[in-house]
N, C-alpha and C. Protein backbone atom coordinates (compact mmCIF):
# COMPACT_ATOMS: atom_id res chain seq x y z
N MET A 1 -90.39 282.30 -151.36
CA MET A 1 -90.08 282.50 -149.95
C MET A 1 -88.67 281.97 -149.66
N VAL A 2 -87.92 282.71 -148.87
CA VAL A 2 -86.54 282.35 -148.56
C VAL A 2 -86.47 281.01 -147.83
N ASN A 3 -87.37 280.77 -146.89
CA ASN A 3 -87.35 279.51 -146.15
C ASN A 3 -87.52 278.31 -147.08
N ASP A 4 -88.41 278.42 -148.07
CA ASP A 4 -88.61 277.32 -149.02
C ASP A 4 -87.35 277.09 -149.85
N TYR A 5 -86.72 278.17 -150.28
CA TYR A 5 -85.48 278.06 -151.06
C TYR A 5 -84.38 277.42 -150.22
N LEU A 6 -84.22 277.86 -148.98
CA LEU A 6 -83.20 277.31 -148.11
C LEU A 6 -83.49 275.84 -147.80
N GLU A 7 -84.74 275.49 -147.56
CA GLU A 7 -85.11 274.09 -147.32
C GLU A 7 -84.71 273.22 -148.52
N ARG A 8 -84.94 273.72 -149.74
CA ARG A 8 -84.59 272.95 -150.94
C ARG A 8 -83.08 272.75 -151.02
N ILE A 9 -82.32 273.81 -150.76
CA ILE A 9 -80.86 273.70 -150.77
C ILE A 9 -80.40 272.66 -149.75
N LEU A 10 -80.95 272.72 -148.55
CA LEU A 10 -80.55 271.80 -147.48
C LEU A 10 -80.95 270.36 -147.78
N ASN A 11 -82.08 270.15 -148.39
CA ASN A 11 -82.52 268.79 -148.73
C ASN A 11 -81.66 268.19 -149.84
N GLU A 12 -81.13 269.04 -150.72
CA GLU A 12 -80.31 268.56 -151.84
C GLU A 12 -78.85 268.38 -151.46
N GLY A 13 -78.36 269.20 -150.53
CA GLY A 13 -76.93 269.14 -150.20
C GLY A 13 -76.60 269.93 -148.95
N ASP A 14 -75.49 270.67 -149.03
CA ASP A 14 -74.97 271.38 -147.87
C ASP A 14 -75.13 272.88 -148.04
N ALA A 15 -75.20 273.56 -146.90
CA ALA A 15 -75.24 275.01 -146.91
C ALA A 15 -74.41 275.53 -145.74
N GLU A 16 -73.94 276.75 -145.89
CA GLU A 16 -73.29 277.45 -144.81
C GLU A 16 -74.24 278.56 -144.40
N ILE A 17 -74.64 278.55 -143.14
CA ILE A 17 -75.60 279.53 -142.64
C ILE A 17 -74.91 280.37 -141.57
N VAL A 18 -75.02 281.68 -141.72
CA VAL A 18 -74.51 282.61 -140.71
C VAL A 18 -75.74 283.14 -139.98
N PHE A 19 -75.73 283.01 -138.66
CA PHE A 19 -76.89 283.43 -137.88
C PHE A 19 -76.47 283.88 -136.48
N ASP A 20 -77.36 284.60 -135.82
CA ASP A 20 -77.14 285.02 -134.44
C ASP A 20 -77.83 284.03 -133.51
N LYS A 21 -77.05 283.48 -132.57
CA LYS A 21 -77.61 282.55 -131.61
C LYS A 21 -78.46 283.31 -130.59
N VAL A 22 -79.22 282.59 -129.80
CA VAL A 22 -80.08 283.20 -128.80
C VAL A 22 -79.28 284.05 -127.82
N ASP A 23 -78.04 283.62 -127.51
CA ASP A 23 -77.21 284.38 -126.56
C ASP A 23 -76.55 285.61 -127.19
N GLY A 24 -76.83 285.84 -128.49
CA GLY A 24 -76.31 287.03 -129.15
C GLY A 24 -75.03 286.82 -129.94
N THR A 25 -74.38 285.67 -129.78
CA THR A 25 -73.15 285.42 -130.53
C THR A 25 -73.49 285.02 -131.96
N ARG A 26 -72.60 285.37 -132.86
CA ARG A 26 -72.79 285.03 -134.27
C ARG A 26 -72.11 283.70 -134.55
N ARG A 27 -72.75 282.85 -135.33
CA ARG A 27 -72.22 281.52 -135.63
C ARG A 27 -72.29 281.26 -137.12
N ILE A 28 -71.28 280.56 -137.61
CA ILE A 28 -71.27 280.06 -138.99
C ILE A 28 -71.39 278.55 -138.88
N MET A 29 -72.42 277.99 -139.51
CA MET A 29 -72.65 276.56 -139.41
C MET A 29 -72.77 275.94 -140.79
N ARG A 30 -72.05 274.84 -140.98
CA ARG A 30 -72.20 274.03 -142.18
C ARG A 30 -73.22 272.96 -141.86
N CYS A 31 -74.29 272.90 -142.65
CA CYS A 31 -75.38 272.00 -142.31
C CYS A 31 -76.08 271.44 -143.54
N THR A 32 -76.97 270.48 -143.30
CA THR A 32 -77.71 269.82 -144.36
C THR A 32 -79.00 269.25 -143.80
N LYS A 33 -79.89 268.86 -144.69
CA LYS A 33 -81.06 268.06 -144.35
C LYS A 33 -81.12 266.87 -145.31
N ASN A 34 -80.00 266.63 -146.01
CA ASN A 34 -79.89 265.55 -146.98
C ASN A 34 -79.89 264.21 -146.26
N LYS A 35 -80.95 263.42 -146.45
CA LYS A 35 -81.13 262.17 -145.72
C LYS A 35 -80.01 261.17 -145.97
N GLN A 36 -79.49 261.13 -147.19
CA GLN A 36 -78.41 260.19 -147.49
C GLN A 36 -77.16 260.52 -146.67
N TYR A 37 -76.78 261.79 -146.62
CA TYR A 37 -75.61 262.19 -145.83
C TYR A 37 -75.84 261.87 -144.35
N ILE A 38 -77.00 262.24 -143.84
CA ILE A 38 -77.30 262.03 -142.42
C ILE A 38 -77.26 260.55 -142.08
N ASP A 39 -77.87 259.71 -142.91
CA ASP A 39 -77.86 258.27 -142.67
C ASP A 39 -76.44 257.70 -142.66
N GLU A 40 -75.61 258.14 -143.59
CA GLU A 40 -74.23 257.65 -143.70
C GLU A 40 -73.40 258.05 -142.49
N HIS A 41 -73.64 259.23 -141.95
CA HIS A 41 -72.79 259.75 -140.88
C HIS A 41 -73.35 259.57 -139.49
N THR A 42 -74.49 258.92 -139.37
CA THR A 42 -75.06 258.68 -138.04
C THR A 42 -75.38 257.21 -137.82
N LYS A 43 -74.87 256.33 -138.67
CA LYS A 43 -75.21 254.91 -138.53
C LYS A 43 -74.75 254.35 -137.18
N ASP A 44 -73.69 254.92 -136.60
CA ASP A 44 -73.23 254.47 -135.29
C ASP A 44 -73.95 255.20 -134.16
N HIS A 45 -74.78 256.17 -134.52
CA HIS A 45 -75.50 256.97 -133.53
C HIS A 45 -76.99 256.96 -133.87
N LYS A 46 -77.55 255.77 -133.93
CA LYS A 46 -78.94 255.60 -134.37
C LYS A 46 -79.91 256.45 -133.55
N ARG A 47 -79.63 256.66 -132.27
CA ARG A 47 -80.51 257.48 -131.43
C ARG A 47 -80.73 258.86 -132.02
N LYS A 48 -79.68 259.43 -132.58
CA LYS A 48 -79.78 260.79 -133.11
C LYS A 48 -80.76 260.87 -134.27
N THR A 49 -80.77 259.86 -135.13
CA THR A 49 -81.68 259.91 -136.27
C THR A 49 -83.10 259.58 -135.85
N GLU A 50 -83.26 258.91 -134.72
CA GLU A 50 -84.60 258.58 -134.24
C GLU A 50 -85.18 259.69 -133.37
N ARG A 51 -84.35 260.63 -132.98
CA ARG A 51 -84.79 261.72 -132.11
C ARG A 51 -85.92 262.50 -132.77
N VAL A 52 -86.92 262.81 -132.01
CA VAL A 52 -88.05 263.57 -132.54
C VAL A 52 -87.72 265.05 -132.48
N ILE A 53 -87.82 265.70 -133.63
CA ILE A 53 -87.54 267.13 -133.72
C ILE A 53 -88.86 267.85 -133.92
N ASN A 54 -89.13 268.84 -133.09
CA ASN A 54 -90.34 269.64 -133.26
C ASN A 54 -90.26 270.41 -134.55
N LYS A 55 -91.28 270.29 -135.38
CA LYS A 55 -91.33 271.05 -136.62
C LYS A 55 -92.34 272.17 -136.42
N THR A 56 -91.82 273.35 -136.24
CA THR A 56 -92.69 274.51 -136.10
C THR A 56 -92.22 275.58 -137.06
N ALA A 57 -93.05 276.55 -137.27
CA ALA A 57 -92.68 277.66 -138.15
C ALA A 57 -91.62 278.54 -137.51
N GLU A 58 -91.44 278.40 -136.20
CA GLU A 58 -90.52 279.28 -135.48
C GLU A 58 -89.06 278.86 -135.59
N VAL A 59 -88.79 277.62 -135.98
CA VAL A 59 -87.41 277.16 -136.07
C VAL A 59 -87.18 276.35 -137.34
N LEU A 60 -85.94 276.37 -137.78
CA LEU A 60 -85.48 275.56 -138.91
C LEU A 60 -84.58 274.48 -138.30
N THR A 61 -84.92 273.23 -138.50
CA THR A 61 -84.13 272.13 -137.95
C THR A 61 -83.17 271.63 -139.02
N VAL A 62 -81.87 271.58 -138.67
CA VAL A 62 -80.84 271.17 -139.62
C VAL A 62 -79.88 270.20 -138.94
N PHE A 63 -79.10 269.49 -139.75
CA PHE A 63 -78.07 268.60 -139.24
C PHE A 63 -76.74 269.31 -139.38
N ASP A 64 -76.09 269.60 -138.25
CA ASP A 64 -74.80 270.29 -138.22
C ASP A 64 -73.72 269.29 -138.64
N ILE A 65 -73.07 269.55 -139.77
CA ILE A 65 -72.07 268.64 -140.34
C ILE A 65 -70.84 268.52 -139.45
N GLU A 66 -70.42 269.61 -138.83
CA GLU A 66 -69.21 269.58 -138.01
C GLU A 66 -69.46 269.00 -136.62
N LYS A 67 -70.64 269.23 -136.06
CA LYS A 67 -70.98 268.69 -134.74
C LYS A 67 -71.60 267.30 -134.83
N ASN A 68 -72.02 266.91 -136.05
CA ASN A 68 -72.65 265.61 -136.29
C ASN A 68 -73.87 265.41 -135.41
N ASP A 69 -74.70 266.46 -135.35
CA ASP A 69 -75.90 266.42 -134.51
C ASP A 69 -76.92 267.43 -135.03
N TRP A 70 -78.15 267.29 -134.55
CA TRP A 70 -79.23 268.18 -134.95
C TRP A 70 -79.14 269.51 -134.23
N ARG A 71 -79.50 270.59 -134.94
CA ARG A 71 -79.55 271.93 -134.37
C ARG A 71 -80.79 272.64 -134.89
N THR A 72 -81.23 273.65 -134.17
CA THR A 72 -82.34 274.47 -134.64
C THR A 72 -81.88 275.91 -134.76
N ILE A 73 -82.46 276.60 -135.75
CA ILE A 73 -82.15 278.00 -136.01
C ILE A 73 -83.46 278.74 -136.17
N ARG A 74 -83.55 279.90 -135.56
CA ARG A 74 -84.71 280.75 -135.79
C ARG A 74 -84.52 281.44 -137.14
N PRO A 75 -85.45 281.29 -138.06
CA PRO A 75 -85.29 281.91 -139.39
C PRO A 75 -85.02 283.41 -139.34
N ASP A 76 -85.59 284.10 -138.38
CA ASP A 76 -85.38 285.55 -138.29
C ASP A 76 -83.98 285.92 -137.80
N SER A 77 -83.19 284.92 -137.36
CA SER A 77 -81.83 285.19 -136.90
C SER A 77 -80.79 284.95 -138.00
N ILE A 78 -81.22 284.46 -139.15
CA ILE A 78 -80.29 284.16 -140.24
C ILE A 78 -79.80 285.46 -140.89
N ILE A 79 -78.50 285.62 -140.94
CA ILE A 79 -77.86 286.78 -141.57
C ILE A 79 -77.65 286.50 -143.05
N SER A 80 -77.11 285.31 -143.35
CA SER A 80 -76.87 284.93 -144.74
C SER A 80 -76.75 283.41 -144.84
N PHE A 81 -76.87 282.92 -146.06
CA PHE A 81 -76.64 281.50 -146.30
C PHE A 81 -76.16 281.34 -147.73
N ARG A 82 -75.42 280.26 -147.95
CA ARG A 82 -74.97 279.94 -149.31
C ARG A 82 -74.86 278.44 -149.45
N GLN A 83 -75.15 278.00 -150.66
CA GLN A 83 -75.04 276.59 -150.98
C GLN A 83 -73.57 276.25 -151.13
N LEU A 84 -73.16 275.12 -150.57
CA LEU A 84 -71.76 274.68 -150.68
C LEU A 84 -71.64 273.67 -151.80
N GLU A 85 -70.54 273.75 -152.51
CA GLU A 85 -70.25 272.79 -153.57
C GLU A 85 -69.82 271.48 -152.92
N HIS A 86 -70.17 270.37 -153.54
CA HIS A 86 -69.84 269.06 -152.98
C HIS A 86 -68.34 268.87 -152.81
N GLU A 87 -67.53 269.40 -153.72
CA GLU A 87 -66.09 269.22 -153.66
C GLU A 87 -65.47 269.98 -152.49
N ALA A 88 -66.19 270.93 -151.92
CA ALA A 88 -65.63 271.78 -150.86
C ALA A 88 -65.49 271.02 -149.55
N ARG A 89 -66.16 269.89 -149.39
CA ARG A 89 -66.10 269.18 -148.12
C ARG A 89 -65.25 267.93 -148.28
N ALA A 90 -64.15 267.85 -147.53
CA ALA A 90 -63.19 266.77 -147.66
C ALA A 90 -63.73 265.42 -147.22
N ASP A 91 -64.71 265.40 -146.32
CA ASP A 91 -65.19 264.12 -145.81
C ASP A 91 -66.32 263.52 -146.65
N ARG A 92 -66.65 264.13 -147.76
CA ARG A 92 -67.71 263.62 -148.64
C ARG A 92 -67.24 262.31 -149.25
N VAL A 93 -68.08 261.30 -149.22
CA VAL A 93 -67.73 259.98 -149.78
C VAL A 93 -68.01 259.99 -151.26
């Protein structure tokens, strides 16, 4: 299943997801679900990591690397996704 594959990619590292937002605009988002990255980049924003995110089959919850916050995506709105190489992101520690 594509969702399982994408979840694995996001848990291991970063992905670029192209999707259509609810308002119809297309967005390219660099995101992750990698707990180590999220913990390192939200230590000054503890509220964000404590925020309760609804886990439903209707949305995919990800951490937006550029916005430094949580976002949700409807899986049926995803146009494409690709795994990003670690070297591609300049802010990687």
